[in-house]
């Protein structure tokens, strides 16, 4: 379900909505580990926002040094910046 490698990407991006299965309050998201979004986000200086349900926000998620943190988490109940928590 990842975009193809040859998909054009605008260089004028400021914000990206990042899909999650789960996300921790300190900004780590559940994924397959150094996948498409981590590689893409490592190259860009973007505000990263996860739109997710409150029940998908968990205490902690296993992560590696290659995982890119989400900046903002938005649920139906709240929104918060992970830097205020980290």
PDB file of N, CA and C in Angstrom:
ATOM      1  N   UNK A   1       0.807  -1.192   0.000  1.00  0.00           N
ATOM      2  CA  UNK A   1       0.000   0.000   0.000  1.00  0.00           C
ATOM      3  C   UNK A   1       0.859   1.268   0.000  1.00  0.00           C
ATOM      4  N   UNK A   2       2.151   1.133  -0.079  1.00  0.00           N
ATOM      5  CA  UNK A   2       3.016   2.306  -0.143  1.00  0.00           C
ATOM      6  C   UNK A   2       2.983   2.895  -1.542  1.00  0.00           C
ATOM      7  N   UNK A   3       3.204   4.206  -1.658  1.00  0.00           N
ATOM      8  CA  UNK A   3       3.283   4.812  -2.995  1.00  0.00           C
ATOM      9  C   UNK A   3       4.445   4.222  -3.784  1.00  0.00           C
ATOM     10  N   UNK A   4       4.329   4.234  -5.089  1.00  0.00           N
ATOM     11  CA  UNK A   4       5.405   3.738  -5.941  1.00  0.00           C
ATOM     12  C   UNK A   4       6.604   4.667  -5.825  1.00  0.00           C
ATOM     13  N   UNK A   5       7.799   4.114  -6.039  1.00  0.00           N
ATOM     14  CA  UNK A   5       9.028   4.899  -5.906  1.00  0.00           C
ATOM     15  C   UNK A   5       9.087   6.083  -6.859  1.00  0.00           C
ATOM     16  N   UNK A   6       8.395   5.983  -7.985  1.00  0.00           N
ATOM     17  CA  UNK A   6       8.482   7.052  -8.975  1.00  0.00           C
ATOM     18  C   UNK A   6       7.336   8.061  -8.884  1.00  0.00           C
ATOM     19  N   UNK A   7       6.610   8.083  -7.778  1.00  0.00           N
ATOM     20  CA  UNK A   7       5.539   9.068  -7.601  1.00  0.00           C
ATOM     21  C   UNK A   7       6.159  10.452  -7.421  1.00  0.00           C
ATOM     22  N   UNK A   8       5.664  11.443  -8.167  1.00  0.00           N
ATOM     23  CA  UNK A   8       6.210  12.796  -7.997  1.00  0.00           C
ATOM     24  C   UNK A   8       5.803  13.375  -6.639  1.00  0.00           C
ATOM     25  N   UNK A   9       6.720  14.093  -6.018  1.00  0.00           N
ATOM     26  CA  UNK A   9       6.464  14.727  -4.730  1.00  0.00           C
ATOM     27  C   UNK A   9       6.851  16.192  -4.837  1.00  0.00           C
ATOM     28  N   UNK A  10       5.946  17.058  -4.461  1.00  0.00           N
ATOM     29  CA  UNK A  10       6.226  18.491  -4.496  1.00  0.00           C
ATOM     30  C   UNK A  10       7.300  18.836  -3.475  1.00  0.00           C
ATOM     31  N   UNK A  11       8.178  19.728  -3.834  1.00  0.00           N
ATOM     32  CA  UNK A  11       9.196  20.214  -2.903  1.00  0.00           C
ATOM     33  C   UNK A  11       8.652  21.337  -2.024  1.00  0.00           C
ATOM     34  N   UNK A  12       7.392  21.719  -2.235  1.00  0.00           N
ATOM     35  CA  UNK A  12       6.791  22.834  -1.512  1.00  0.00           C
ATOM     36  C   UNK A  12       5.956  22.374  -0.316  1.00  0.00           C
ATOM     37  N   UNK A  13       6.181  21.189   0.166  1.00  0.00           N
ATOM     38  CA  UNK A  13       5.413  20.675   1.293  1.00  0.00           C
ATOM     39  C   UNK A  13       5.872  21.304   2.600  1.00  0.00           C
ATOM     40  N   UNK A  14       4.911  21.636   3.463  1.00  0.00           N
ATOM     41  CA  UNK A  14       5.206  22.134   4.804  1.00  0.00           C
ATOM     42  C   UNK A  14       4.715  21.169   5.879  1.00  0.00           C
ATOM     43  N   UNK A  15       3.627  20.445   5.553  1.00  0.00           N
ATOM     44  CA  UNK A  15       2.951  19.572   6.509  1.00  0.00           C
ATOM     45  C   UNK A  15       2.636  18.258   5.818  1.00  0.00           C
ATOM     46  N   UNK A  16       2.691  17.165   6.576  1.00  0.00           N
ATOM     47  CA  UNK A  16       2.273  15.875   6.038  1.00  0.00           C
ATOM     48  C   UNK A  16       1.421  15.159   7.079  1.00  0.00           C
ATOM     49  N   UNK A  17       0.330  14.547   6.626  1.00  0.00           N
ATOM     50  CA  UNK A  17      -0.511  13.706   7.476  1.00  0.00           C
ATOM     51  C   UNK A  17       0.005  12.287   7.345  1.00  0.00           C
ATOM     52  N   UNK A  18       0.425  11.716   8.457  1.00  0.00           N
ATOM     53  CA  UNK A  18       1.066  10.404   8.446  1.00  0.00           C
ATOM     54  C   UNK A  18       0.096   9.368   9.005  1.00  0.00           C
ATOM     55  N   UNK A  19      -0.154   8.283   8.269  1.00  0.00           N
ATOM     56  CA  UNK A  19      -1.059   7.247   8.772  1.00  0.00           C
ATOM     57  C   UNK A  19      -0.415   6.463   9.917  1.00  0.00           C
ATOM     58  N   UNK A  20      -1.240   5.998  10.829  1.00  0.00           N
ATOM     59  CA  UNK A  20      -0.748   5.195  11.948  1.00  0.00           C
ATOM     60  C   UNK A  20      -1.729   4.072  12.254  1.00  0.00           C
ATOM     61  N   UNK A  21      -1.198   2.987  12.760  1.00  0.00           N
ATOM     62  CA  UNK A  21      -2.021   1.943  13.365  1.00  0.00           C
ATOM     63  C   UNK A  21      -2.142   2.268  14.847  1.00  0.00           C
ATOM     64  N   UNK A  22      -1.035   2.751  15.395  1.00  0.00           N
ATOM     65  CA  UNK A  22      -0.983   3.225  16.778  1.00  0.00           C
ATOM     66  C   UNK A  22       0.145   4.243  16.861  1.00  0.00           C
ATOM     67  N   UNK A  23       0.064   5.106  17.860  1.00  0.00           N
ATOM     68  CA  UNK A  23       1.103   6.120  18.061  1.00  0.00           C
ATOM     69  C   UNK A  23       1.279   6.317  19.564  1.00  0.00           C
ATOM     70  N   UNK A  24       2.522   6.498  19.990  1.00  0.00           N
ATOM     71  CA  UNK A  24       2.771   6.760  21.407  1.00  0.00           C
ATOM     72  C   UNK A  24       2.708   8.258  21.654  1.00  0.00           C
ATOM     73  N   UNK A  25       2.475   8.636  22.885  1.00  0.00           N
ATOM     74  CA  UNK A  25       2.358  10.055  23.220  1.00  0.00           C
ATOM     75  C   UNK A  25       3.666  10.806  23.003  1.00  0.00           C
ATOM     76  N   UNK A  26       4.785  10.088  22.939  1.00  0.00           N
ATOM     77  CA  UNK A  26       6.051  10.771  22.671  1.00  0.00           C
ATOM     78  C   UNK A  26       6.404  10.769  21.187  1.00  0.00           C
ATOM     79  N   UNK A  27       5.451  10.367  20.327  1.00  0.00           N
ATOM     80  CA  UNK A  27       5.603  10.582  18.894  1.00  0.00           C
ATOM     81  C   UNK A  27       6.012   9.415  18.029  1.00  0.00           C
ATOM     82  N   UNK A  28       6.245   8.251  18.612  1.00  0.00           N
ATOM     83  CA  UNK A  28       6.580   7.103  17.775  1.00  0.00           C
ATOM     84  C   UNK A  28       5.303   6.454  17.267  1.00  0.00           C
ATOM     85  N   UNK A  29       5.326   6.018  16.005  1.00  0.00           N
ATOM     86  CA  UNK A  29       4.137   5.393  15.425  1.00  0.00           C
ATOM     87  C   UNK A  29       4.422   3.931  15.118  1.00  0.00           C
ATOM     88  N   UNK A  30       3.375   3.151  15.119  1.00  0.00           N
ATOM     89  CA  UNK A  30       3.498   1.737  14.791  1.00  0.00           C
ATOM     90  C   UNK A  30       3.501   1.580  13.286  1.00  0.00           C
ATOM     91  N   UNK A  31       4.511   0.901  12.786  1.00  0.00           N
ATOM     92  CA  UNK A  31       4.640   0.626  11.360  1.00  0.00           C
ATOM     93  C   UNK A  31       5.426  -0.663  11.182  1.00  0.00           C
ATOM     94  N   UNK A  32       5.953  -0.864   9.978  1.00  0.00           N
ATOM     95  CA  UNK A  32       6.711  -2.072   9.700  1.00  0.00           C
ATOM     96  C   UNK A  32       8.203  -1.907   9.953  1.00  0.00           C
ATOM     97  N   UNK A  33       8.638  -0.749  10.362  1.00  0.00           N
ATOM     98  CA  UNK A  33      10.043  -0.521  10.666  1.00  0.00           C
ATOM     99  C   UNK A  33      10.824  -0.030   9.466  1.00  0.00           C
ATOM    100  N   UNK A  34      11.228   1.229   9.498  1.00  0.00           N
ATOM    101  CA  UNK A  34      11.990   1.891   8.432  1.00  0.00           C
ATOM    102  C   UNK A  34      11.361   1.665   7.065  1.00  0.00           C
ATOM    103  N   UNK A  35      10.093   1.919   7.010  1.00  0.00           N
ATOM    104  CA  UNK A  35       9.353   1.779   5.767  1.00  0.00           C
ATOM    105  C   UNK A  35       9.318   3.075   4.974  1.00  0.00           C
ATOM    106  N   UNK A  36       8.350   3.170   4.096  1.00  0.00           N
ATOM    107  CA  UNK A  36       8.237   4.303   3.180  1.00  0.00           C
ATOM    108  C   UNK A  36       8.220   5.642   3.920  1.00  0.00           C
ATOM    109  N   UNK A  37       7.362   5.775   4.916  1.00  0.00           N
ATOM    110  CA  UNK A  37       7.224   7.072   5.577  1.00  0.00           C
ATOM    111  C   UNK A  37       8.489   7.468   6.324  1.00  0.00           C
ATOM    112  N   UNK A  38       9.143   6.538   6.978  1.00  0.00           N
ATOM    113  CA  UNK A  38      10.387   6.878   7.668  1.00  0.00           C
ATOM    114  C   UNK A  38      11.459   7.327   6.683  1.00  0.00           C
ATOM    115  N   UNK A  39      11.576   6.652   5.553  1.00  0.00           N
ATOM    116  CA  UNK A  39      12.570   7.063   4.545  1.00  0.00           C
ATOM    117  C   UNK A  39      12.215   8.428   3.965  1.00  0.00           C
ATOM    118  N   UNK A  40      10.948   8.633   3.662  1.00  0.00           N
ATOM    119  CA  UNK A  40      10.513   9.909   3.097  1.00  0.00           C
ATOM    120  C   UNK A  40      10.714  11.046   4.095  1.00  0.00           C
ATOM    121  N   UNK A  41      10.285  10.856   5.320  1.00  0.00           N
ATOM    122  CA  UNK A  41      10.347  11.910   6.324  1.00  0.00           C
ATOM    123  C   UNK A  41      11.772  12.242   6.733  1.00  0.00           C
ATOM    124  N   UNK A  42      12.672  11.290   6.620  1.00  0.00           N
ATOM    125  CA  UNK A  42      14.071  11.540   6.969  1.00  0.00           C
ATOM    126  C   UNK A  42      14.700  12.561   6.029  1.00  0.00           C
ATOM    127  N   UNK A  43      14.159  12.701   4.826  1.00  0.00           N
ATOM    128  CA  UNK A  43      14.709  13.615   3.820  1.00  0.00           C
ATOM    129  C   UNK A  43      14.056  14.991   3.846  1.00  0.00           C
ATOM    130  N   UNK A  44      13.000  15.145   4.585  1.00  0.00           N
ATOM    131  CA  UNK A  44      12.205  16.376   4.540  1.00  0.00           C
ATOM    132  C   UNK A  44      12.149  17.043   5.910  1.00  0.00           C
ATOM    133  N   UNK A  45      12.040  18.352   5.900  1.00  0.00           N
ATOM    134  CA  UNK A  45      11.816  19.106   7.124  1.00  0.00           C
ATOM    135  C   UNK A  45      10.353  19.542   7.131  1.00  0.00           C
ATOM    136  N   UNK A  46       9.491  18.647   7.567  1.00  0.00           N
ATOM    137  CA  UNK A  46       8.045  18.856   7.531  1.00  0.00           C
ATOM    138  C   UNK A  46       7.452  18.755   8.925  1.00  0.00           C
ATOM    139  N   UNK A  47       6.326  19.407   9.131  1.00  0.00           N
ATOM    140  CA  UNK A  47       5.532  19.169  10.327  1.00  0.00           C
ATOM    141  C   UNK A  47       4.769  17.873  10.080  1.00  0.00           C
ATOM    142  N   UNK A  48       4.942  16.908  10.971  1.00  0.00           N
ATOM    143  CA  UNK A  48       4.337  15.591  10.813  1.00  0.00           C
ATOM    144  C   UNK A  48       3.155  15.457  11.770  1.00  0.00           C
ATOM    145  N   UNK A  49       1.967  15.199  11.203  1.00  0.00           N
ATOM    146  CA  UNK A  49       0.744  15.118  11.992  1.00  0.00           C
ATOM    147  C   UNK A  49       0.115  13.742  11.816  1.00  0.00           C
ATOM    148  N   UNK A  50      -0.216  13.103  12.936  1.00  0.00           N
ATOM    149  CA  UNK A  50      -0.948  11.835  12.905  1.00  0.00           C
ATOM    150  C   UNK A  50      -2.394  12.108  13.285  1.00  0.00           C
ATOM    151  N   UNK A  51      -3.318  11.730  12.413  1.00  0.00           N
ATOM    152  CA  UNK A  51      -4.749  11.774  12.718  1.00  0.00           C
ATOM    153  C   UNK A  51      -5.137  10.362  13.111  1.00  0.00           C
ATOM    154  N   UNK A  52      -5.604  10.184  14.322  1.00  0.00           N
ATOM    155  CA  UNK A  52      -5.857   8.840  14.814  1.00  0.00           C
ATOM    156  C   UNK A  52      -6.973   8.868  15.856  1.00  0.00           C
ATOM    157  N   UNK A  53      -7.522   7.721  16.160  1.00  0.00           N
ATOM    158  CA  UNK A  53      -8.511   7.618  17.224  1.00  0.00           C
ATOM    159  C   UNK A  53      -7.800   7.594  18.571  1.00  0.00           C
ATOM    160  N   UNK A  54      -8.442   8.121  19.599  1.00  0.00           N
ATOM    161  CA  UNK A  54      -7.848   8.178  20.938  1.00  0.00           C
ATOM    162  C   UNK A  54      -7.427   6.793  21.422  1.00  0.00           C
ATOM    163  N   UNK A  55      -8.199   5.757  21.094  1.00  0.00           N
ATOM    164  CA  UNK A  55      -7.849   4.410  21.558  1.00  0.00           C
ATOM    165  C   UNK A  55      -6.592   3.865  20.874  1.00  0.00           C
ATOM    166  N   UNK A  56      -6.106   4.540  19.833  1.00  0.00           N
ATOM    167  CA  UNK A  56      -4.885   4.120  19.157  1.00  0.00           C
ATOM    168  C   UNK A  56      -3.644   4.827  19.705  1.00  0.00           C
ATOM    169  N   UNK A  57      -3.840   5.730  20.656  1.00  0.00           N
ATOM    170  CA  UNK A  57      -2.708   6.384  21.318  1.00  0.00           C
ATOM    171  C   UNK A  57      -2.331   5.518  22.517  1.00  0.00           C
ATOM    172  N   UNK A  58      -1.110   5.007  22.495  1.00  0.00           N
ATOM    173  CA  UNK A  58      -0.664   4.056  23.511  1.00  0.00           C
ATOM    174  C   UNK A  58       0.507   4.625  24.306  1.00  0.00           C
ATOM    175  N   UNK A  59       0.811   3.965  25.415  1.00  0.00           N
ATOM    176  CA  UNK A  59       1.867   4.448  26.310  1.00  0.00           C
ATOM    177  C   UNK A  59       3.243   4.397  25.651  1.00  0.00           C
ATOM    178  N   UNK A  60       3.559   3.292  25.000  1.00  0.00           N
ATOM    179  CA  UNK A  60       4.871   3.189  24.352  1.00  0.00           C
ATOM    180  C   UNK A  60       4.792   2.264  23.146  1.00  0.00           C
ATOM    181  N   UNK A  61       5.736   2.470  22.230  1.00  0.00           N
ATOM    182  CA  UNK A  61       5.842   1.656  21.020  1.00  0.00           C
ATOM    183  C   UNK A  61       7.314   1.324  20.830  1.00  0.00           C
ATOM    184  N   UNK A  62       7.634   0.061  20.547  1.00  0.00           N
ATOM    185  CA  UNK A  62       9.034  -0.270  20.259  1.00  0.00           C
ATOM    186  C   UNK A  62       9.512   0.551  19.062  1.00  0.00           C
ATOM    187  N   UNK A  63      10.739   1.043  19.130  1.00  0.00           N
ATOM    188  CA  UNK A  63      11.248   1.877  18.043  1.00  0.00           C
ATOM    189  C   UNK A  63      12.762   1.728  17.907  1.00  0.00           C
ATOM    190  N   UNK A  64      13.258   2.209  16.785  1.00  0.00           N
ATOM    191  CA  UNK A  64      14.703   2.183  16.534  1.00  0.00           C
ATOM    192  C   UNK A  64      15.174   3.597  16.234  1.00  0.00           C
ATOM    193  N   UNK A  65      16.465   3.754  16.059  1.00  0.00           N
ATOM    194  CA  UNK A  65      17.007   5.077  15.759  1.00  0.00           C
ATOM    195  C   UNK A  65      16.642   5.545  14.351  1.00  0.00           C
ATOM    196  N   UNK A  66      16.099   4.665  13.521  1.00  0.00           N
ATOM    197  CA  UNK A  66      15.676   5.036  12.167  1.00  0.00           C
ATOM    198  C   UNK A  66      14.235   5.530  12.120  1.00  0.00           C
ATOM    199  N   UNK A  67      13.486   5.334  13.190  1.00  0.00           N
ATOM    200  CA  UNK A  67      12.090   5.770  13.229  1.00  0.00           C
ATOM    201  C   UNK A  67      12.014   7.283  13.403  1.00  0.00           C
ATOM    202  N   UNK A  68      11.165   7.915  12.621  1.00  0.00           N
ATOM    203  CA  UNK A  68      10.977   9.361  12.658  1.00  0.00           C
ATOM    204  C   UNK A  68       9.752   9.672  13.516  1.00  0.00           C
ATOM    205  N   UNK A  69       9.911  10.569  14.473  1.00  0.00           N
ATOM    206  CA  UNK A  69       8.808  10.910  15.377  1.00  0.00           C
ATOM    207  C   UNK A  69       7.782  11.828  14.708  1.00  0.00           C
ATOM    208  N   UNK A  70       6.538  11.657  15.139  1.00  0.00           N
ATOM    209  CA  UNK A  70       5.426  12.518  14.750  1.00  0.00           C
ATOM    210  C   UNK A  70       5.490  13.777  15.620  1.00  0.00           C
ATOM    211  N   UNK A  71       5.208  14.943  15.034  1.00  0.00           N
ATOM    212  CA  UNK A  71       5.239  16.195  15.801  1.00  0.00           C
ATOM    213  C   UNK A  71       3.937  16.454  16.554  1.00  0.00           C
ATOM    214  N   UNK A  72       2.817  16.260  15.862  1.00  0.00           N
ATOM    215  CA  UNK A  72       1.500  16.515  16.444  1.00  0.00           C
ATOM    216  C   UNK A  72       0.640  15.267  16.333  1.00  0.00           C
ATOM    217  N   UNK A  73      -0.154  15.025  17.363  1.00  0.00           N
ATOM    218  CA  UNK A  73      -1.104  13.916  17.358  1.00  0.00           C
ATOM    219  C   UNK A  73      -2.491  14.517  17.564  1.00  0.00           C
ATOM    220  N   UNK A  74      -3.414  14.161  16.669  1.00  0.00           N
ATOM    221  CA  UNK A  74      -4.772  14.700  16.709  1.00  0.00           C
ATOM    222  C   UNK A  74      -5.743  13.529  16.811  1.00  0.00           C
ATOM    223  N   UNK A  75      -6.584  13.554  17.849  1.00  0.00           N
ATOM    224  CA  UNK A  75      -7.618  12.532  18.015  1.00  0.00           C
ATOM    225  C   UNK A  75      -8.974  13.231  18.087  1.00  0.00           C
ATOM    226  N   UNK A  76     -10.018  12.442  18.249  1.00  0.00           N
ATOM    227  CA  UNK A  76     -11.352  13.023  18.385  1.00  0.00           C
ATOM    228  C   UNK A  76     -11.517  13.741  19.727  1.00  0.00           C
ATOM    229  N   UNK A  77     -10.617  13.466  20.679  1.00  0.00           N
ATOM    230  CA  UNK A  77     -10.713  14.050  22.015  1.00  0.00           C
ATOM    231  C   UNK A  77      -9.719  15.172  22.298  1.00  0.00           C
ATOM    232  N   UNK A  78      -8.584  15.157  21.627  1.00  0.00           N
ATOM    233  CA  UNK A  78      -7.535  16.119  21.953  1.00  0.00           C
ATOM    234  C   UNK A  78      -6.532  16.252  20.813  1.00  0.00           C
ATOM    235  N   UNK A  79      -5.704  17.255  20.918  1.00  0.00           N
ATOM    236  CA  UNK A  79      -4.546  17.354  20.041  1.00  0.00           C
ATOM    237  C   UNK A  79      -3.385  17.841  20.896  1.00  0.00           C
ATOM    238  N   UNK A  80      -2.213  17.322  20.618  1.00  0.00           N
ATOM    239  CA  UNK A  80      -1.059  17.706  21.417  1.00  0.00           C
ATOM    240  C   UNK A  80       0.223  17.566  20.613  1.00  0.00           C
ATOM    241  N   UNK A  81       1.195  18.329  21.036  1.00  0.00           N
ATOM    242  CA  UNK A  81       2.518  18.314  20.431  1.00  0.00           C
ATOM    243  C   UNK A  81       3.388  17.394  21.268  1.00  0.00           C
ATOM    244  N   UNK A  82       3.979  16.410  20.652  1.00  0.00           N
ATOM    245  CA  UNK A  82       4.771  15.439  21.401  1.00  0.00           C
ATOM    246  C   UNK A  82       5.983  16.073  22.063  1.00  0.00           C
ATOM    247  N   UNK A  83       6.478  17.204  21.585  1.00  0.00           N
ATOM    248  CA  UNK A  83       7.646  17.825  22.209  1.00  0.00           C
ATOM    249  C   UNK A  83       7.328  18.337  23.612  1.00  0.00           C
ATOM    250  N   UNK A  84       6.056  18.560  23.895  1.00  0.00           N
ATOM    251  CA  UNK A  84       5.659  18.972  25.238  1.00  0.00           C
ATOM    252  C   UNK A  84       5.669  17.787  26.199  1.00  0.00           C
ATOM    253  N   UNK A  85       5.732  16.570  25.647  1.00  0.00           N
ATOM    254  CA  UNK A  85       5.676  15.348  26.443  1.00  0.00           C
ATOM    255  C   UNK A  85       7.032  14.669  26.509  1.00  0.00           C
ATOM    256  N   UNK A  86       7.784  14.687  25.406  1.00  0.00           N
ATOM    257  CA  UNK A  86       9.064  13.975  25.295  1.00  0.00           C
ATOM    258  C   UNK A  86      10.057  14.418  26.339  1.00  0.00           C
TER     259      UNK A  86
END
